[in-house]
Amino acid sequence: MHDNHSKELHGTEDNELHMKNQSFLSTTRLRDLEKGDAQFVLDFLKNKQSDDPSFFYAVQIDEKERLTNFFWVDGQSKNDVAYFGDAFLFDTTYRTSSFDIPFAAFVGVNHHKQIVIFGNALLLSDSVGSFIWLFNTFVAAMSGRKPKTIFTDQCAELSQAVTMSFHDASHQFCLWHILKNVPKNHSVFNCELNFHKDFEDCIFGGSSEEVFSKLWDNLLSKHGLGSSVWLKDLYLSRKKWALPYLNSSFCATMMTKQWAESMDNLFKIHFYRKLPLPKFIAQYFKALTQLREKELIEDYESRQTKPALLVDIPVLAEAAESYTRRIYVDFEYEYKSQLACLYELTAMNGTIYTFSLSSSKVHWDC
């Protein structure tokens, strides 16, 4: 469906503003900004672009000519997407509270396993059409670059928009969002302190489909939750979030407990949405600056210092030279883990050799 009154406002690198017809945008809005805030955001975006020629922004206008959705990204974030944009989280935690500023962010992971911000939005309407506009605008700002994996909250509108905008990407549900949804969807969280810990152990501890199913059944049995509709629905969608089912998707580190903790810290410490919009925007840029300063520190450490090697052998020396300090730690851990494995030749068929690998923790054939 199309409407000639629905338009889009673009800020381009030559500081011109262009308006063009867009697909119909319903006037249904979940919230509105305070008086004067929409103009503040528009002025803010124009000023940022004057300071940074690579700064990009777009504004979606609804059928009543109201500024409705805003997107912006700077040159540093564009570079980050070029390097680290294979997987990202589109965060919409603002949807859980009608009092929060409707700030949404495209979030990724860099080569130090740190959080990076790929792009930002204010969404006064979050219909399917709004999400499609936002995703397509994001891709246009990134010169057509699309992710291989995108994480979102469980939301029908989001799922539809992801399918239409990123049809070749793997769409997964974010474990951090699932954990945040526990207290909203289950009263047992308020009366049994152990439930949240058991739930975390279940979703992060399943190394195989069989183990995961066993942990899930034990969780339901222990807490008497076999009739929980929310948990039933969650289990039915497990192929979009449970670790054993995601082996074919590139997830960076966004399916780990450490990632969930990092996201918690980021939003609790930096993105406090109860502030007036001008103060929130100032707080956002302060947080962005701090994130980038931390990356610069890690860059310096990785270039100027070398880790103490477990043993002085070529493979570790080369890894220490090639990887960042944080990634080298992971590599060395994997190297140490394989030292605990025992292997035995079990069969030979021409050029195919079959080995049995075992350790104190695992046993499998390959």
Protein backbone atom coordinates (compact mmCIF):
# COMPACT_ATOMS: atom_id res chain seq x y z
CA MET A 1 0.00 0.00 0.00
CA HIS A 2 1.34 3.47 -0.86
CA ASP A 3 0.48 6.96 0.28
CA ASN A 4 1.84 10.12 -1.30
CA HIS A 5 1.77 11.93 2.05
CA SER A 6 4.20 9.54 3.76
CA LYS A 7 7.73 10.79 3.28
CA GLU A 8 11.31 10.38 4.34
CA LEU A 9 13.80 13.07 5.23
CA HIS A 10 17.44 12.30 4.49
CA GLY A 11 20.61 13.98 5.63
CA THR A 12 23.28 13.28 3.04
CA GLU A 13 27.00 13.79 3.03
CA ASP A 14 26.69 17.01 1.02
CA ASN A 15 24.38 18.43 3.70
CA GLU A 16 21.35 18.54 1.41
CA LEU A 17 17.93 17.38 2.56
CA HIS A 18 15.90 15.19 0.23
CA MET A 19 12.26 14.19 0.59
CA LYS A 20 10.79 11.27 -1.32
CA ASN A 21 7.65 9.17 -1.25
CA GLN A 22 7.75 6.17 1.06
CA SER A 23 5.45 3.23 1.76
CA PHE A 24 2.42 3.96 3.93
CA LEU A 25 3.21 4.56 7.60
CA SER A 26 0.32 4.26 10.03
CA THR A 27 -0.23 7.17 12.36
CA THR A 28 -0.47 4.78 15.31
CA ARG A 29 2.33 5.81 17.66
CA LEU A 30 3.34 4.05 20.83
CA ARG A 31 4.57 7.32 22.32
CA ASP A 32 5.40 10.92 21.55
CA LEU A 33 8.33 13.11 22.43
CA GLU A 34 7.96 16.09 24.72
CA LYS A 35 7.16 19.43 23.12
CA GLY A 36 10.18 20.72 21.23
CA ASP A 37 12.10 17.42 21.41
CA ALA A 38 11.49 16.46 17.77
CA GLN A 39 12.94 19.78 16.62
CA PHE A 40 15.83 19.31 19.05
CA VAL A 41 16.66 15.91 17.51
CA LEU A 42 16.46 17.28 13.98
CA ASP A 43 18.72 20.24 14.85
CA PHE A 44 21.09 17.89 16.63
CA LEU A 45 21.35 15.65 13.55
CA LYS A 46 21.98 18.61 11.25
CA ASN A 47 24.71 19.95 13.54
CA LYS A 48 26.41 16.54 13.81
CA GLN A 49 26.51 16.30 10.05
CA SER A 50 28.04 19.76 9.77
CA ASP A 51 30.84 18.61 12.10
CA ASP A 52 31.30 15.20 10.45
CA PRO A 53 30.78 14.95 6.65
CA SER A 54 30.52 11.15 6.94
CA PHE A 55 27.64 11.44 9.41
CA PHE A 56 24.39 10.03 7.99
CA TYR A 57 20.85 10.44 9.20
CA ALA A 58 17.32 9.80 7.98
CA VAL A 59 13.92 10.74 9.38
CA GLN A 60 10.65 9.02 8.57
CA ILE A 61 7.55 11.20 8.41
CA ASP A 62 4.05 9.77 8.81
CA GLU A 63 0.89 10.57 6.85
CA LYS A 64 0.20 13.56 9.09
CA GLU A 65 3.63 15.03 8.30
CA ARG A 66 4.91 14.32 11.82
CA LEU A 67 8.54 13.41 12.46
CA THR A 68 8.15 9.81 13.56
CA ASN A 69 11.32 7.69 13.35
CA PHE A 70 14.94 8.80 13.36
CA PHE A 71 18.13 6.97 12.37
CA TRP A 72 21.74 8.15 12.53
CA VAL A 73 25.25 6.76 12.20
CA ASP A 74 28.70 8.35 12.15
CA GLY A 75 31.84 7.51 10.18
CA GLN A 76 33.41 5.41 12.96
CA SER A 77 30.34 3.20 13.17
CA LYS A 78 30.39 2.72 9.39
CA ASN A 79 33.99 1.51 9.64
CA ASP A 80 33.04 -0.80 12.51
CA VAL A 81 30.28 -2.36 10.42
CA ALA A 82 32.75 -2.91 7.56
CA TYR A 83 35.04 -4.86 9.90
CA PHE A 84 32.67 -6.47 12.40
CA GLY A 85 29.20 -6.33 10.84
CA ASP A 86 28.66 -10.02 10.08
CA ALA A 87 26.50 -10.31 13.21
CA PHE A 88 24.65 -7.74 15.23
CA LEU A 89 21.91 -7.30 17.78
CA PHE A 90 19.05 -4.90 17.12
CA ASP A 91 18.12 -3.87 20.65
CA THR A 92 14.59 -2.70 21.40
CA THR A 93 14.42 -2.90 25.19
CA TYR A 94 12.61 0.46 25.16
CA ARG A 95 9.47 -1.49 24.17
CA THR A 96 9.20 -2.91 27.70
CA SER A 97 8.35 0.45 29.28
CA SER A 98 6.06 3.24 28.09
CA PHE A 99 8.13 5.74 30.08
CA ASP A 100 11.47 5.01 28.43
CA ILE A 101 12.90 7.11 25.61
CA PRO A 102 12.34 4.91 22.52
CA PHE A 103 16.04 4.54 21.75
CA ALA A 104 17.07 1.49 19.71
CA ALA A 105 20.61 0.50 18.79
CA PHE A 106 22.39 -1.79 16.37
CA VAL A 107 25.04 -3.44 18.56
CA GLY A 108 27.99 -5.64 17.61
CA VAL A 109 31.27 -7.11 18.87
CA ASN A 110 34.77 -5.99 17.92
CA HIS A 111 38.12 -7.85 17.79
CA HIS A 112 38.60 -7.35 21.55
CA LYS A 113 35.18 -8.92 22.30
CA GLN A 114 33.97 -5.46 23.28
CA ILE A 115 30.59 -3.93 22.52
CA VAL A 116 30.46 -1.56 19.55
CA ILE A 117 27.55 0.57 18.36
CA PHE A 118 26.75 0.22 14.65
CA GLY A 119 23.83 2.64 14.43
CA ASN A 120 21.08 4.32 16.43
CA ALA A 121 17.39 5.12 16.21
CA LEU A 122 14.52 6.84 17.97
CA LEU A 123 11.28 5.05 17.14
CA LEU A 124 7.97 6.71 17.97
CA SER A 125 6.26 4.03 15.90
CA ASP A 126 7.46 0.44 15.73
CA SER A 127 5.13 -1.10 13.20
CA VAL A 128 6.36 -3.59 10.62
CA GLY A 129 6.65 -0.72 8.16
CA SER A 130 8.77 1.29 10.59
CA PHE A 131 11.17 -1.59 11.15
CA ILE A 132 11.45 -2.27 7.42
CA TRP A 133 12.20 1.41 6.78
CA LEU A 134 14.84 1.37 9.52
CA PHE A 135 16.55 -1.82 8.32
CA ASN A 136 16.60 -0.67 4.70
CA THR A 137 17.96 2.72 5.76
CA PHE A 138 20.68 1.01 7.81
CA VAL A 139 21.73 -1.06 4.78
CA ALA A 140 21.75 2.03 2.56
CA ALA A 141 23.95 3.89 5.06
CA MET A 142 26.35 0.93 5.08
CA SER A 143 26.72 0.87 1.29
CA GLY A 144 24.59 -2.27 0.97
CA ARG A 145 26.37 -4.31 3.67
CA LYS A 146 24.00 -6.82 5.28
CA PRO A 147 24.60 -9.10 8.29
CA LYS A 148 24.92 -12.86 8.17
CA THR A 149 23.19 -13.11 11.56
CA ILE A 150 20.81 -10.70 13.27
CA PHE A 151 19.61 -11.01 16.87
CA THR A 152 16.38 -9.45 18.11
CA ASP A 153 13.82 -9.78 20.86
CA GLN A 154 10.85 -12.11 20.27
CA CYS A 155 8.42 -9.89 18.40
CA ALA A 156 6.12 -10.71 15.49
CA GLU A 157 6.61 -7.30 13.86
CA LEU A 158 10.39 -7.58 14.13
CA SER A 159 10.41 -11.11 12.75
CA GLN A 160 8.37 -10.06 9.73
CA ALA A 161 10.59 -7.04 9.08
CA VAL A 162 13.78 -9.10 9.39
CA THR A 163 12.43 -11.67 6.93
CA MET A 164 11.61 -8.96 4.39
CA SER A 165 14.80 -6.88 4.82
CA PHE A 166 17.42 -9.53 5.66
CA HIS A 167 15.98 -12.63 3.99
CA ASP A 168 19.42 -14.23 3.54
CA ALA A 169 20.47 -13.67 7.16
CA SER A 170 20.02 -16.08 10.06
CA HIS A 171 17.49 -14.54 12.46
CA GLN A 172 18.03 -15.52 16.08
CA PHE A 173 16.45 -14.51 19.38
CA CYS A 174 18.85 -12.81 21.76
CA LEU A 175 19.53 -14.69 25.02
CA TRP A 176 20.06 -11.39 26.82
CA HIS A 177 16.53 -10.35 25.89
CA ILE A 178 15.16 -13.73 26.94
CA LEU A 179 16.80 -13.39 30.35
CA LYS A 180 15.40 -9.87 30.75
CA ASN A 181 11.93 -11.18 29.91
CA VAL A 182 11.94 -13.77 32.70
CA PRO A 183 10.60 -11.53 35.49
CA LYS A 184 7.92 -10.11 33.16
CA ASN A 185 6.64 -13.50 32.07
CA HIS A 186 7.00 -15.66 35.10
CA SER A 187 5.90 -14.97 38.65
CA VAL A 188 8.06 -17.83 39.95
CA PHE A 189 11.03 -15.48 39.49
CA ASN A 190 9.69 -13.39 42.36
CA CYS A 191 9.20 -16.25 44.78
CA GLU A 192 12.08 -18.60 43.99
CA LEU A 193 15.48 -16.97 43.86
CA ASN A 194 17.07 -20.12 42.44
CA PHE A 195 14.89 -20.13 39.34
CA HIS A 196 16.86 -17.48 37.49
CA LYS A 197 20.16 -19.26 38.18
CA ASP A 198 18.71 -22.61 37.11
CA PHE A 199 17.29 -20.98 33.98
CA GLU A 200 20.70 -19.52 33.09
CA ASP A 201 22.38 -22.88 33.70
CA CYS A 202 19.86 -24.47 31.36
CA ILE A 203 20.14 -22.09 28.42
CA PHE A 204 23.93 -21.74 28.59
CA GLY A 205 24.75 -25.31 29.61
CA GLY A 206 23.25 -27.41 26.84
CA SER A 207 26.17 -28.71 24.77
CA SER A 208 23.93 -30.90 22.59
CA GLU A 209 20.24 -31.16 21.74
CA GLU A 210 19.92 -34.17 24.04
CA VAL A 211 21.63 -32.45 26.97
CA PHE A 212 19.61 -29.28 26.46
CA SER A 213 16.29 -31.18 26.42
CA LYS A 214 17.27 -32.99 29.61
CA LEU A 215 18.22 -29.73 31.35
CA TRP A 216 14.96 -28.13 30.21
CA ASP A 217 12.84 -31.03 31.50
CA ASN A 218 14.70 -30.92 34.82
CA LEU A 219 14.07 -27.16 35.08
CA LEU A 220 10.33 -27.56 34.54
CA SER A 221 10.14 -30.49 36.93
CA LYS A 222 12.17 -28.83 39.71
CA HIS A 223 10.10 -25.66 39.70
CA GLY A 224 6.74 -27.18 38.79
CA LEU A 225 6.44 -25.18 35.57
CA GLY A 226 5.16 -27.81 33.17
CA SER A 227 2.00 -25.74 32.52
CA SER A 228 3.77 -22.41 31.90
CA VAL A 229 2.55 -21.04 28.55
CA TRP A 230 5.53 -18.70 28.22
CA LEU A 231 8.06 -21.49 28.73
CA LYS A 232 6.15 -23.76 26.35
CA ASP A 233 6.23 -21.10 23.64
CA LEU A 234 9.90 -20.43 24.36
CA TYR A 235 10.76 -24.11 23.98
CA LEU A 236 8.84 -24.33 20.69
CA SER A 237 11.05 -21.54 19.30
CA ARG A 238 14.27 -23.10 20.69
CA LYS A 239 15.84 -23.49 17.23
CA LYS A 240 16.12 -19.69 17.15
CA TRP A 241 17.95 -19.32 20.46
CA ALA A 242 19.14 -22.59 22.05
CA LEU A 243 22.89 -23.05 21.59
CA PRO A 244 22.88 -26.63 20.22
CA TYR A 245 20.78 -25.50 17.24
CA LEU A 246 22.96 -22.54 16.22
CA ASN A 247 26.12 -24.32 15.06
CA SER A 248 25.57 -23.20 11.46
CA SER A 249 25.16 -19.50 12.34
CA PHE A 250 27.94 -17.02 13.02
CA CYS A 251 27.11 -15.55 16.41
CA ALA A 252 30.36 -13.76 17.39
CA THR A 253 30.13 -13.87 21.20
CA MET A 254 26.49 -12.81 21.41
CA MET A 255 25.26 -16.18 22.68
CA THR A 256 27.44 -16.25 25.80
CA LYS A 257 26.74 -15.43 29.42
CA GLN A 258 29.57 -12.89 29.32
CA TRP A 259 27.84 -11.03 26.48
CA ALA A 260 24.58 -10.89 28.46
CA GLU A 261 26.45 -9.47 31.45
CA SER A 262 28.20 -6.89 29.25
CA MET A 263 24.89 -5.74 27.78
CA ASP A 264 23.40 -5.47 31.26
CA ASN A 265 26.28 -3.29 32.38
CA LEU A 266 26.14 -1.13 29.25
CA PHE A 267 22.48 -0.26 29.63
CA LYS A 268 22.40 0.00 33.41
CA ILE A 269 25.44 2.28 33.58
CA HIS A 270 25.22 4.33 30.39
CA PHE A 271 21.82 4.28 28.68
CA TYR A 272 19.51 5.58 31.39
CA ARG A 273 16.29 6.28 29.49
CA LYS A 274 14.47 8.17 32.26
CA LEU A 275 16.39 11.36 31.46
CA PRO A 276 14.94 14.22 29.41
CA LEU A 277 15.80 13.66 25.76
CA PRO A 278 18.56 16.32 25.47
CA LYS A 279 20.31 14.90 28.56
CA PHE A 280 19.87 11.36 27.27
CA ILE A 281 21.48 12.26 23.94
CA ALA A 282 24.41 13.85 25.79
CA GLN A 283 24.70 10.73 27.98
CA TYR A 284 24.59 8.51 24.90
CA PHE A 285 27.54 10.29 23.26
CA LYS A 286 29.46 10.17 26.52
CA ALA A 287 28.91 6.39 26.61
CA LEU A 288 29.90 6.06 22.95
CA THR A 289 33.13 7.97 23.62
CA GLN A 290 33.94 5.72 26.58
CA LEU A 291 33.37 2.56 24.53
CA ARG A 292 35.70 3.81 21.81
CA GLU A 293 38.35 4.87 24.32
CA LYS A 294 38.34 1.34 25.74
CA GLU A 295 38.87 -0.05 22.24
CA LEU A 296 41.83 2.30 21.68
CA ILE A 297 43.40 1.12 24.95
CA GLU A 298 43.06 -2.51 23.88
CA ASP A 299 44.44 -1.67 20.43
CA TYR A 300 47.51 -0.15 22.07
CA GLU A 301 47.98 -3.15 24.38
CA SER A 302 47.74 -5.59 21.48
CA ARG A 303 50.21 -3.66 19.30
CA GLN A 304 52.78 -2.69 21.92
CA THR A 305 52.83 -5.70 24.26
CA LYS A 306 52.85 -9.46 23.83
CA PRO A 307 51.34 -12.06 26.14
CA ALA A 308 53.41 -14.55 28.11
CA LEU A 309 53.16 -17.78 26.10
CA LEU A 310 52.07 -21.02 27.68
CA VAL A 311 55.03 -22.64 25.93
CA ASP A 312 57.41 -21.14 23.38
CA ILE A 313 56.27 -22.95 20.26
CA PRO A 314 55.65 -21.54 16.75
CA VAL A 315 51.87 -21.96 16.73
CA LEU A 316 51.41 -19.92 19.92
CA ALA A 317 54.04 -17.37 18.91
CA GLU A 318 52.26 -16.80 15.61
CA ALA A 319 48.88 -16.55 17.32
CA ALA A 320 50.26 -13.99 19.79
CA GLU A 321 51.57 -11.97 16.85
CA SER A 322 48.38 -12.18 14.77
CA TYR A 323 45.57 -11.93 17.32
CA THR A 324 44.51 -9.25 19.76
CA ARG A 325 45.34 -9.95 23.38
CA ARG A 326 41.76 -10.94 24.18
CA ILE A 327 41.43 -13.32 21.23
CA TYR A 328 44.83 -14.85 21.99
CA VAL A 329 43.58 -15.75 25.49
CA ASP A 330 40.74 -17.71 23.87
CA PHE A 331 43.11 -19.36 21.40
CA GLU A 332 45.48 -20.45 24.17
CA TYR A 333 42.56 -21.85 26.16
CA GLU A 334 41.51 -23.97 23.18
CA TYR A 335 45.10 -25.09 22.70
CA LYS A 336 45.37 -26.16 26.34
CA SER A 337 42.03 -27.95 26.11
CA GLN A 338 43.13 -30.06 23.15
CA LEU A 339 46.19 -31.19 25.10
CA ALA A 340 43.82 -33.03 27.43
CA CYS A 341 42.34 -35.00 24.53
CA LEU A 342 43.35 -38.55 23.77
CA TYR A 343 42.95 -39.88 20.26
CA GLU A 344 43.01 -43.41 18.94
CA LEU A 345 42.94 -44.60 15.33
CA THR A 346 39.87 -46.82 15.03
CA ALA A 347 39.52 -47.40 11.28
CA MET A 348 41.22 -46.84 7.90
CA ASN A 349 39.46 -46.79 4.55
CA GLY A 350 41.80 -45.72 1.78
CA THR A 351 42.71 -42.12 2.53
CA ILE A 352 40.01 -41.77 5.21
CA TYR A 353 41.21 -42.22 8.77
CA THR A 354 38.72 -42.44 11.64
CA PHE A 355 39.82 -41.45 15.12
CA SER A 356 38.16 -41.64 18.50
CA LEU A 357 38.77 -38.57 20.66
CA SER A 358 38.24 -38.59 24.39
CA SER A 359 38.96 -36.55 27.48
CA SER A 360 37.69 -36.36 31.00
CA LYS A 361 34.80 -34.20 29.75
CA VAL A 362 33.99 -35.26 26.20
CA HIS A 363 33.92 -38.31 23.97
CA TRP A 364 33.06 -38.28 20.29
CA ASP A 365 33.99 -39.81 16.96
CA CYS A 366 35.08 -37.78 13.94
